[in-house]
Amino acid sequence: MPPKRIDHRDTAASLPAVLQFMQLLWAVVHGLDKTSKRMAGDLGVTGPQRLALRVVGLFPNVSPGELAAILHVHPSTLTGVLQRLAAQRWLRRVDDPRDRRRAILRLTARGARIDAARRGTVESAVAVVLDGVSARDREATMRVLERLARQLVSPAAKGAGRKSSPKPHQSRGKKRG
């Protein structure tokens, strides 16, 4: 007898609340990735690259470190994005006139055109959804996502659910030192 087919809608509804929430988060992540790839083909930039350009457009003369903080990424993560944007001539990295040891970021004319684009972007999809919900729902969603983001990067989350085990470079049963 063949196994019974599972209706994914029924199964999703019967999942515990935490798994239903995670399922929606994964759907959002998948949608972001898919839209980002399409943007790369249509506009020449990915979603994260466009987000960086949008922030630099809103805050000309932002430093790379400040941009990383605004985007909630480690500066080393942003380095590759900035290098690609500069190589494509969408962004310029220049010395800060007040402190030549510090770099600041500025859009090029080409980057400003990407910054101005609105159709077919992750941002446009988010704007449509946000326009269709109440301010109260937006604020509640923002609070939940902010808390989740903090929890995911907290030291407690990094060790959650893991048992103490040796570091990868340590062999079991041997003590260093």
N, C-alpha and C. Protein backbone atom coordinates (compact mmCIF):
# COMPACT_ATOMS: atom_id res chain seq x y z
N MET A 1 0.85 -1.18 0.00
CA MET A 1 0.00 0.00 0.00
C MET A 1 0.89 1.24 0.00
N PRO A 2 0.69 2.18 -0.94
CA PRO A 2 1.54 3.37 -1.00
C PRO A 2 1.29 4.27 0.21
N PRO A 3 2.32 5.01 0.61
CA PRO A 3 2.14 5.93 1.75
C PRO A 3 1.12 7.01 1.41
N LYS A 4 0.40 7.44 2.43
CA LYS A 4 -0.60 8.49 2.28
C LYS A 4 0.09 9.80 1.95
N ARG A 5 -0.43 10.52 0.94
CA ARG A 5 0.13 11.83 0.61
C ARG A 5 -0.28 12.83 1.68
N ILE A 6 0.63 13.71 1.98
CA ILE A 6 0.39 14.71 3.01
C ILE A 6 0.05 16.03 2.34
N ASP A 7 -1.03 16.64 2.77
CA ASP A 7 -1.40 17.97 2.28
C ASP A 7 -0.58 18.97 3.09
N HIS A 8 0.33 19.67 2.44
CA HIS A 8 1.24 20.58 3.15
C HIS A 8 0.49 21.68 3.90
N ARG A 9 -0.68 22.09 3.42
CA ARG A 9 -1.45 23.12 4.13
C ARG A 9 -1.96 22.60 5.46
N ASP A 10 -2.48 21.36 5.47
CA ASP A 10 -2.95 20.77 6.72
C ASP A 10 -1.79 20.56 7.68
N THR A 11 -0.67 20.10 7.15
CA THR A 11 0.49 19.84 7.99
C THR A 11 1.01 21.14 8.59
N ALA A 12 1.10 22.20 7.79
CA ALA A 12 1.58 23.49 8.29
C ALA A 12 0.71 24.00 9.42
N ALA A 13 -0.59 23.86 9.26
CA ALA A 13 -1.51 24.35 10.29
C ALA A 13 -1.40 23.55 11.58
N SER A 14 -0.95 22.32 11.50
CA SER A 14 -0.85 21.50 12.71
C SER A 14 0.54 21.57 13.36
N LEU A 15 1.44 22.31 12.77
CA LEU A 15 2.77 22.48 13.37
C LEU A 15 2.66 23.33 14.64
N PRO A 16 3.57 23.13 15.58
CA PRO A 16 3.60 24.04 16.74
C PRO A 16 3.85 25.48 16.26
N ALA A 17 3.41 26.45 17.04
CA ALA A 17 3.50 27.86 16.65
C ALA A 17 4.92 28.26 16.27
N VAL A 18 5.91 27.79 17.01
CA VAL A 18 7.29 28.18 16.70
C VAL A 18 7.70 27.68 15.32
N LEU A 19 7.27 26.47 14.94
CA LEU A 19 7.61 25.95 13.61
C LEU A 19 6.81 26.64 12.51
N GLN A 20 5.57 27.03 12.79
CA GLN A 20 4.80 27.81 11.82
C GLN A 20 5.49 29.15 11.56
N PHE A 21 5.96 29.78 12.62
CA PHE A 21 6.65 31.08 12.49
C PHE A 21 7.94 30.89 11.68
N MET A 22 8.71 29.85 12.01
CA MET A 22 9.95 29.59 11.29
C MET A 22 9.68 29.27 9.82
N GLN A 23 8.60 28.56 9.56
CA GLN A 23 8.23 28.23 8.19
C GLN A 23 7.99 29.52 7.39
N LEU A 24 7.32 30.49 8.00
CA LEU A 24 7.10 31.78 7.34
C LEU A 24 8.40 32.55 7.15
N LEU A 25 9.27 32.49 8.15
CA LEU A 25 10.57 33.16 8.00
C LEU A 25 11.35 32.57 6.84
N TRP A 26 11.36 31.24 6.72
CA TRP A 26 12.07 30.60 5.61
C TRP A 26 11.46 31.00 4.28
N ALA A 27 10.12 31.13 4.24
CA ALA A 27 9.46 31.57 3.01
C ALA A 27 9.91 32.99 2.64
N VAL A 28 10.05 33.86 3.64
CA VAL A 28 10.51 35.23 3.40
C VAL A 28 11.96 35.20 2.91
N VAL A 29 12.81 34.41 3.57
CA VAL A 29 14.22 34.31 3.15
C VAL A 29 14.30 33.81 1.71
N HIS A 30 13.53 32.79 1.39
CA HIS A 30 13.52 32.26 0.03
C HIS A 30 13.07 33.34 -0.97
N GLY A 31 12.02 34.08 -0.60
CA GLY A 31 11.54 35.16 -1.47
C GLY A 31 12.57 36.26 -1.65
N LEU A 32 13.28 36.59 -0.57
CA LEU A 32 14.35 37.60 -0.67
C LEU A 32 15.45 37.12 -1.62
N ASP A 33 15.85 35.86 -1.47
CA ASP A 33 16.90 35.32 -2.33
C ASP A 33 16.47 35.31 -3.80
N LYS A 34 15.26 34.86 -4.04
CA LYS A 34 14.75 34.78 -5.42
C LYS A 34 14.64 36.17 -6.05
N THR A 35 14.10 37.11 -5.29
CA THR A 35 13.96 38.48 -5.81
C THR A 35 15.34 39.12 -6.01
N SER A 36 16.26 38.83 -5.10
CA SER A 36 17.62 39.36 -5.21
C SER A 36 18.29 38.87 -6.50
N LYS A 37 18.13 37.59 -6.80
CA LYS A 37 18.72 37.04 -8.03
C LYS A 37 18.09 37.67 -9.27
N ARG A 38 16.77 37.86 -9.23
CA ARG A 38 16.10 38.50 -10.36
C ARG A 38 16.57 39.94 -10.52
N MET A 39 16.74 40.64 -9.39
CA MET A 39 17.24 42.02 -9.44
C MET A 39 18.63 42.07 -10.06
N ALA A 40 19.45 41.08 -9.75
CA ALA A 40 20.80 41.04 -10.32
C ALA A 40 20.73 41.00 -11.84
N GLY A 41 19.78 40.24 -12.36
CA GLY A 41 19.62 40.17 -13.81
C GLY A 41 19.00 41.43 -14.40
N ASP A 42 17.99 41.97 -13.71
CA ASP A 42 17.26 43.13 -14.23
C ASP A 42 17.98 44.45 -14.01
N LEU A 43 18.51 44.65 -12.81
CA LEU A 43 19.12 45.94 -12.44
C LEU A 43 20.65 45.90 -12.40
N GLY A 44 21.20 44.68 -12.31
CA GLY A 44 22.65 44.55 -12.20
C GLY A 44 23.16 44.53 -10.77
N VAL A 45 22.25 44.64 -9.80
CA VAL A 45 22.64 44.57 -8.39
C VAL A 45 21.73 43.60 -7.66
N THR A 46 22.29 42.97 -6.63
CA THR A 46 21.50 42.09 -5.78
C THR A 46 20.75 42.93 -4.74
N GLY A 47 19.86 42.29 -4.02
CA GLY A 47 19.13 42.98 -2.96
C GLY A 47 20.04 43.62 -1.92
N PRO A 48 21.01 42.85 -1.37
CA PRO A 48 21.91 43.46 -0.39
C PRO A 48 22.75 44.61 -0.97
N GLN A 49 23.17 44.48 -2.22
CA GLN A 49 23.93 45.57 -2.85
C GLN A 49 23.07 46.81 -3.00
N ARG A 50 21.82 46.62 -3.42
CA ARG A 50 20.92 47.77 -3.57
C ARG A 50 20.62 48.40 -2.23
N LEU A 51 20.45 47.58 -1.19
CA LEU A 51 20.21 48.13 0.14
C LEU A 51 21.38 49.01 0.56
N ALA A 52 22.60 48.54 0.32
CA ALA A 52 23.77 49.36 0.64
C ALA A 52 23.75 50.67 -0.14
N LEU A 53 23.41 50.60 -1.43
CA LEU A 53 23.34 51.82 -2.25
C LEU A 53 22.25 52.76 -1.74
N ARG A 54 21.10 52.21 -1.35
CA ARG A 54 20.01 53.04 -0.83
C ARG A 54 20.44 53.77 0.43
N VAL A 55 21.13 53.07 1.33
CA VAL A 55 21.55 53.71 2.58
C VAL A 55 22.60 54.78 2.30
N VAL A 56 23.55 54.49 1.41
CA VAL A 56 24.55 55.51 1.06
C VAL A 56 23.86 56.70 0.39
N GLY A 57 22.83 56.45 -0.42
CA GLY A 57 22.08 57.54 -1.03
C GLY A 57 21.36 58.40 0.01
N LEU A 58 20.86 57.77 1.05
CA LEU A 58 20.17 58.50 2.12
C LEU A 58 21.15 59.19 3.06
N PHE A 59 22.32 58.60 3.23
CA PHE A 59 23.33 59.14 4.14
C PHE A 59 24.66 59.28 3.43
N PRO A 60 24.76 60.27 2.50
CA PRO A 60 26.05 60.45 1.81
C PRO A 60 27.15 60.71 2.83
N ASN A 61 28.30 60.23 2.55
CA ASN A 61 29.48 60.39 3.41
C ASN A 61 29.46 59.47 4.62
N VAL A 62 28.65 58.42 4.58
CA VAL A 62 28.66 57.42 5.64
C VAL A 62 29.96 56.62 5.51
N SER A 63 30.52 56.22 6.63
CA SER A 63 31.73 55.40 6.58
C SER A 63 31.33 53.94 6.40
N PRO A 64 32.25 53.11 5.91
CA PRO A 64 31.93 51.68 5.78
C PRO A 64 31.52 51.06 7.13
N GLY A 65 32.17 51.44 8.20
CA GLY A 65 31.82 50.90 9.51
C GLY A 65 30.43 51.32 9.95
N GLU A 66 30.08 52.57 9.69
CA GLU A 66 28.72 53.05 10.01
C GLU A 66 27.68 52.32 9.16
N LEU A 67 28.00 52.11 7.89
CA LEU A 67 27.08 51.40 7.01
C LEU A 67 26.87 49.97 7.51
N ALA A 68 27.94 49.31 7.91
CA ALA A 68 27.82 47.95 8.44
C ALA A 68 26.91 47.93 9.67
N ALA A 69 27.06 48.91 10.55
CA ALA A 69 26.22 48.99 11.75
C ALA A 69 24.76 49.20 11.37
N ILE A 70 24.49 50.07 10.41
CA ILE A 70 23.12 50.34 9.98
C ILE A 70 22.49 49.08 9.40
N LEU A 71 23.28 48.31 8.64
CA LEU A 71 22.77 47.11 7.98
C LEU A 71 22.80 45.87 8.88
N HIS A 72 23.33 46.02 10.08
CA HIS A 72 23.42 44.90 11.03
C HIS A 72 24.27 43.75 10.49
N VAL A 73 25.40 44.09 9.87
CA VAL A 73 26.32 43.06 9.40
C VAL A 73 27.72 43.39 9.91
N HIS A 74 28.56 42.38 9.96
CA HIS A 74 29.94 42.60 10.37
C HIS A 74 30.65 43.35 9.24
N PRO A 75 31.54 44.30 9.58
CA PRO A 75 32.25 45.04 8.53
C PRO A 75 32.93 44.15 7.49
N SER A 76 33.46 43.01 7.91
CA SER A 76 34.12 42.12 6.95
C SER A 76 33.12 41.54 5.95
N THR A 77 31.88 41.37 6.36
CA THR A 77 30.83 40.90 5.46
C THR A 77 30.54 41.95 4.39
N LEU A 78 30.59 43.19 4.78
CA LEU A 78 30.27 44.29 3.88
C LEU A 78 31.40 44.60 2.90
N THR A 79 32.61 44.23 3.24
CA THR A 79 33.77 44.55 2.40
C THR A 79 33.59 44.08 0.97
N GLY A 80 33.18 42.84 0.78
CA GLY A 80 33.00 42.29 -0.57
C GLY A 80 31.91 43.02 -1.33
N VAL A 81 30.82 43.33 -0.64
CA VAL A 81 29.72 44.07 -1.27
C VAL A 81 30.23 45.42 -1.76
N LEU A 82 30.95 46.14 -0.90
CA LEU A 82 31.47 47.47 -1.28
C LEU A 82 32.47 47.37 -2.41
N GLN A 83 33.31 46.34 -2.40
CA GLN A 83 34.28 46.17 -3.49
C GLN A 83 33.57 45.95 -4.82
N ARG A 84 32.51 45.13 -4.81
CA ARG A 84 31.77 44.88 -6.05
C ARG A 84 31.07 46.15 -6.53
N LEU A 85 30.50 46.90 -5.60
CA LEU A 85 29.82 48.15 -5.98
C LEU A 85 30.80 49.16 -6.54
N ALA A 86 31.99 49.24 -5.96
CA ALA A 86 33.01 50.16 -6.46
C ALA A 86 33.53 49.69 -7.83
N ALA A 87 33.71 48.39 -8.00
CA ALA A 87 34.20 47.85 -9.27
C ALA A 87 33.20 48.11 -10.40
N GLN A 88 31.92 48.13 -10.08
CA GLN A 88 30.88 48.41 -11.08
C GLN A 88 30.63 49.91 -11.26
N ARG A 89 31.38 50.72 -10.51
CA ARG A 89 31.27 52.19 -10.57
C ARG A 89 29.90 52.70 -10.13
N TRP A 90 29.33 52.06 -9.12
CA TRP A 90 28.09 52.52 -8.51
C TRP A 90 28.36 53.30 -7.23
N LEU A 91 29.54 53.12 -6.71
CA LEU A 91 29.90 53.68 -5.42
C LEU A 91 31.36 54.12 -5.46
N ARG A 92 31.67 55.23 -4.79
CA ARG A 92 33.06 55.68 -4.66
C ARG A 92 33.43 55.69 -3.19
N ARG A 93 34.61 55.24 -2.93
CA ARG A 93 35.18 55.30 -1.58
C ARG A 93 36.23 56.41 -1.63
N VAL A 94 36.05 57.45 -0.81
CA VAL A 94 36.96 58.59 -0.84
C VAL A 94 37.45 58.89 0.57
N ASP A 95 38.55 59.61 0.65
CA ASP A 95 39.05 60.03 1.95
C ASP A 95 38.13 61.09 2.53
N ASP A 96 37.87 60.98 3.81
CA ASP A 96 37.08 61.98 4.52
C ASP A 96 37.90 63.26 4.56
N PRO A 97 37.37 64.38 4.06
CA PRO A 97 38.16 65.62 4.04
C PRO A 97 38.54 66.10 5.45
N ARG A 98 37.77 65.71 6.46
CA ARG A 98 38.06 66.12 7.84
C ARG A 98 39.09 65.22 8.52
N ASP A 99 39.19 63.97 8.04
CA ASP A 99 40.14 63.01 8.62
C ASP A 99 40.54 62.03 7.53
N ARG A 100 41.69 62.27 6.93
CA ARG A 100 42.11 61.50 5.77
C ARG A 100 42.37 60.03 6.10
N ARG A 101 42.42 59.67 7.37
CA ARG A 101 42.59 58.26 7.74
C ARG A 101 41.27 57.50 7.61
N ARG A 102 40.18 58.23 7.49
CA ARG A 102 38.84 57.65 7.46
C ARG A 102 38.29 57.71 6.04
N ALA A 103 37.66 56.62 5.60
CA ALA A 103 37.03 56.59 4.28
C ALA A 103 35.54 56.89 4.44
N ILE A 104 34.98 57.51 3.42
CA ILE A 104 33.54 57.72 3.36
C ILE A 104 33.05 57.22 2.01
N LEU A 105 31.75 56.97 1.94
CA LEU A 105 31.16 56.40 0.73
C LEU A 105 30.22 57.40 0.08
N ARG A 106 30.26 57.43 -1.24
CA ARG A 106 29.38 58.30 -2.02
C ARG A 106 28.90 57.54 -3.24
N LEU A 107 27.68 57.83 -3.65
CA LEU A 107 27.16 57.25 -4.88
C LEU A 107 27.76 57.95 -6.08
N THR A 108 27.98 57.21 -7.13
CA THR A 108 28.33 57.81 -8.42
C THR A 108 27.00 58.14 -9.11
N ALA A 109 27.06 58.80 -10.26
CA ALA A 109 25.84 59.08 -11.01
C ALA A 109 25.15 57.77 -11.39
N ARG A 110 25.94 56.79 -11.73
CA ARG A 110 25.42 55.46 -12.07
C ARG A 110 24.74 54.82 -10.85
N GLY A 111 25.36 54.94 -9.70
CA GLY A 111 24.79 54.41 -8.46
C GLY A 111 23.51 55.12 -8.08
N ALA A 112 23.44 56.42 -8.35
CA ALA A 112 22.24 57.19 -8.05
C ALA A 112 21.06 56.70 -8.88
N ARG A 113 21.32 56.25 -10.12
CA ARG A 113 20.23 55.70 -10.95
C ARG A 113 19.69 54.40 -10.35
N ILE A 114 20.58 53.56 -9.84
CA ILE A 114 20.15 52.31 -9.18
C ILE A 114 19.39 52.65 -7.90
N ASP A 115 19.87 53.64 -7.17
CA ASP A 115 19.22 54.09 -5.94
C ASP A 115 17.80 54.56 -6.23
N ALA A 116 17.60 55.20 -7.37
CA ALA A 116 16.29 55.76 -7.72
C ALA A 116 15.32 54.71 -8.25
N ALA A 117 15.82 53.58 -8.72
CA ALA A 117 14.95 52.53 -9.27
C ALA A 117 14.00 52.03 -8.19
N ARG A 118 12.75 51.81 -8.56
CA ARG A 118 11.77 51.35 -7.58
C ARG A 118 11.08 50.06 -7.99
N ARG A 119 10.89 49.85 -9.26
CA ARG A 119 10.14 48.68 -9.74
C ARG A 119 10.97 47.41 -9.65
N GLY A 120 10.30 46.32 -9.24
CA GLY A 120 10.94 45.01 -9.27
C GLY A 120 11.99 44.80 -8.19
N THR A 121 11.94 45.58 -7.14
CA THR A 121 12.93 45.46 -6.08
C THR A 121 12.30 44.82 -4.83
N VAL A 122 13.15 44.32 -3.97
CA VAL A 122 12.68 43.82 -2.68
C VAL A 122 11.94 44.94 -1.96
N GLU A 123 12.51 46.11 -2.02
CA GLU A 123 11.93 47.29 -1.36
C GLU A 123 10.51 47.56 -1.85
N SER A 124 10.27 47.43 -3.14
CA SER A 124 8.92 47.70 -3.66
C SER A 124 7.93 46.67 -3.15
N ALA A 125 8.34 45.42 -3.05
CA ALA A 125 7.45 44.38 -2.51
C ALA A 125 7.14 44.65 -1.04
N VAL A 126 8.15 45.04 -0.28
CA VAL A 126 7.93 45.35 1.14
C VAL A 126 7.01 46.56 1.27
N ALA A 127 7.20 47.58 0.43
CA ALA A 127 6.37 48.78 0.48
C ALA A 127 4.90 48.45 0.22
N VAL A 128 4.64 47.58 -0.74
CA VAL A 128 3.26 47.18 -1.05
C VAL A 128 2.62 46.53 0.17
N VAL A 129 3.36 45.62 0.81
CA VAL A 129 2.83 44.92 1.98
C VAL A 129 2.61 45.90 3.13
N LEU A 130 3.59 46.75 3.40
CA LEU A 130 3.47 47.70 4.51
C LEU A 130 2.32 48.67 4.29
N ASP A 131 2.08 49.07 3.04
CA ASP A 131 0.96 49.96 2.74
C ASP A 131 -0.39 49.30 3.04
N GLY A 132 -0.41 47.98 3.01
CA GLY A 132 -1.66 47.26 3.20
C GLY A 132 -1.94 46.83 4.63
N VAL A 133 -1.08 47.21 5.57
CA VAL A 133 -1.32 46.84 6.97
C VAL A 133 -1.33 48.10 7.84
N SER A 134 -1.93 47.97 8.99
CA SER A 134 -2.04 49.12 9.89
C SER A 134 -0.68 49.46 10.50
N ALA A 135 -0.58 50.68 10.96
CA ALA A 135 0.65 51.12 11.65
C ALA A 135 0.88 50.24 12.88
N ARG A 136 -0.18 49.88 13.55
CA ARG A 136 -0.06 49.03 14.74
C ARG A 136 0.53 47.66 14.38
N ASP A 137 0.05 47.06 13.29
CA ASP A 137 0.59 45.77 12.85
C ASP A 137 2.06 45.90 12.44
N ARG A 138 2.40 46.98 11.72
CA ARG A 138 3.80 47.20 11.33
C ARG A 138 4.69 47.31 12.55
N GLU A 139 4.26 48.10 13.52
CA GLU A 139 5.07 48.28 14.74
C GLU A 139 5.22 46.98 15.51
N ALA A 140 4.17 46.19 15.60
CA ALA A 140 4.25 44.91 16.30
C ALA A 140 5.19 43.96 15.56
N THR A 141 5.09 43.92 14.25
CA THR A 141 5.97 43.07 13.46
C THR A 141 7.43 43.48 13.62
N MET A 142 7.67 44.79 13.60
CA MET A 142 9.03 45.30 13.79
C MET A 142 9.58 44.89 15.16
N ARG A 143 8.75 44.99 16.18
CA ARG A 143 9.21 44.61 17.53
C ARG A 143 9.56 43.13 17.58
N VAL A 144 8.73 42.29 17.01
CA VAL A 144 9.00 40.85 17.01
C VAL A 144 10.29 40.55 16.24
N LEU A 145 10.43 41.12 15.06
CA LEU A 145 11.63 40.86 14.26
C LEU A 145 12.89 41.42 14.92
N GLU A 146 12.80 42.58 15.55
CA GLU A 146 13.95 43.14 16.27
C GLU A 146 14.37 42.21 17.41
N ARG A 147 13.41 41.71 18.16
CA ARG A 147 13.72 40.80 19.26
C ARG A 147 14.34 39.52 18.73
N LEU A 148 13.80 38.99 17.64
CA LEU A 148 14.35 37.77 17.06
C LEU A 148 15.77 38.01 16.56
N ALA A 149 16.00 39.13 15.90
CA ALA A 149 17.33 39.45 15.40
C ALA A 149 18.33 39.53 16.56
N ARG A 150 17.94 40.20 17.64
CA ARG A 150 18.83 40.28 18.81
C ARG A 150 19.08 38.91 19.41
N GLN A 151 18.05 38.10 19.51
CA GLN A 151 18.20 36.77 20.10
C GLN A 151 19.13 35.90 19.26
N LEU A 152 19.00 36.00 17.96
CA LEU A 152 19.82 35.17 17.08
C LEU A 152 21.30 35.52 17.12
N VAL A 153 21.63 36.74 17.47
CA VAL A 153 23.04 37.12 17.53
C VAL A 153 23.58 37.17 18.96
N SER A 154 22.73 36.88 19.94
CA SER A 154 23.17 36.96 21.33
C SER A 154 24.09 35.79 21.66
N PRO A 155 25.02 35.98 22.60
CA PRO A 155 25.91 34.88 22.99
C PRO A 155 25.12 33.67 23.49
N ALA A 156 24.00 33.89 24.16
CA ALA A 156 23.20 32.76 24.66
C ALA A 156 22.66 31.93 23.51
N ALA A 157 22.27 32.58 22.40
CA ALA A 157 21.72 31.85 21.26
C ALA A 157 22.80 31.03 20.58
N LYS A 158 24.01 31.53 20.56
CA LYS A 158 25.09 30.81 19.90
C LYS A 158 25.38 29.49 20.59
N GLY A 159 25.18 29.44 21.89
CA GLY A 159 25.46 28.20 22.62
C GLY A 159 24.22 27.41 22.95
N ALA A 160 23.05 27.91 22.56
CA ALA A 160 21.80 27.26 22.93
C ALA A 160 21.71 25.87 22.32
N GLY A 161 21.37 24.93 23.16
CA GLY A 161 21.14 23.58 22.69
C GLY A 161 22.40 22.78 22.42
N ARG A 162 23.56 23.35 22.59
CA ARG A 162 24.79 22.61 22.34
C ARG A 162 25.34 22.07 23.64
N LYS A 163 25.83 20.87 23.58
CA LYS A 163 26.52 20.31 24.73
C LYS A 163 27.97 20.71 24.63
N SER A 164 28.62 20.77 25.75
CA SER A 164 30.03 21.11 25.74
C SER A 164 30.80 20.04 24.99
N SER A 165 31.59 20.46 24.03
CA SER A 165 32.40 19.51 23.28
C SER A 165 33.72 20.16 22.97
N PRO A 166 34.71 19.33 22.67
CA PRO A 166 36.02 19.91 22.36
C PRO A 166 35.97 20.76 21.10
N LYS A 167 36.88 21.69 21.01
CA LYS A 167 37.02 22.51 19.82
C LYS A 167 37.44 21.59 18.67
N PRO A 168 37.12 21.96 17.43
CA PRO A 168 37.45 21.08 16.30
C PRO A 168 38.93 20.71 16.22
N HIS A 169 39.80 21.58 16.66
CA HIS A 169 41.23 21.29 16.55
C HIS A 169 41.73 20.43 17.72
N GLN A 170 40.87 20.19 18.70
CA GLN A 170 41.28 19.36 19.83
C GLN A 170 40.76 17.95 19.61
N SER A 171 41.59 16.98 19.93
CA SER A 171 41.12 15.61 19.82
C SER A 171 40.50 15.20 21.14
N ARG A 172 39.58 14.29 21.05
CA ARG A 172 38.89 13.81 22.26
C ARG A 172 39.88 13.03 23.11
N GLY A 173 39.78 13.23 24.39
CA GLY A 173 40.59 12.46 25.33
C GLY A 173 41.96 13.05 25.61
N LYS A 174 42.40 13.98 24.81
CA LYS A 174 43.71 14.59 25.05
C LYS A 174 43.51 15.99 25.56
N LYS A 175 44.30 16.37 26.51
CA LYS A 175 44.24 17.73 27.00
C LYS A 175 45.42 18.49 26.45
N ARG A 176 45.16 19.72 26.11
CA ARG A 176 46.24 20.56 25.59
C ARG A 176 46.99 21.16 26.74
N GLY A 177 48.24 21.37 26.49
CA GLY A 177 48.90 22.15 27.46
C GLY A 177 50.04 21.69 28.11
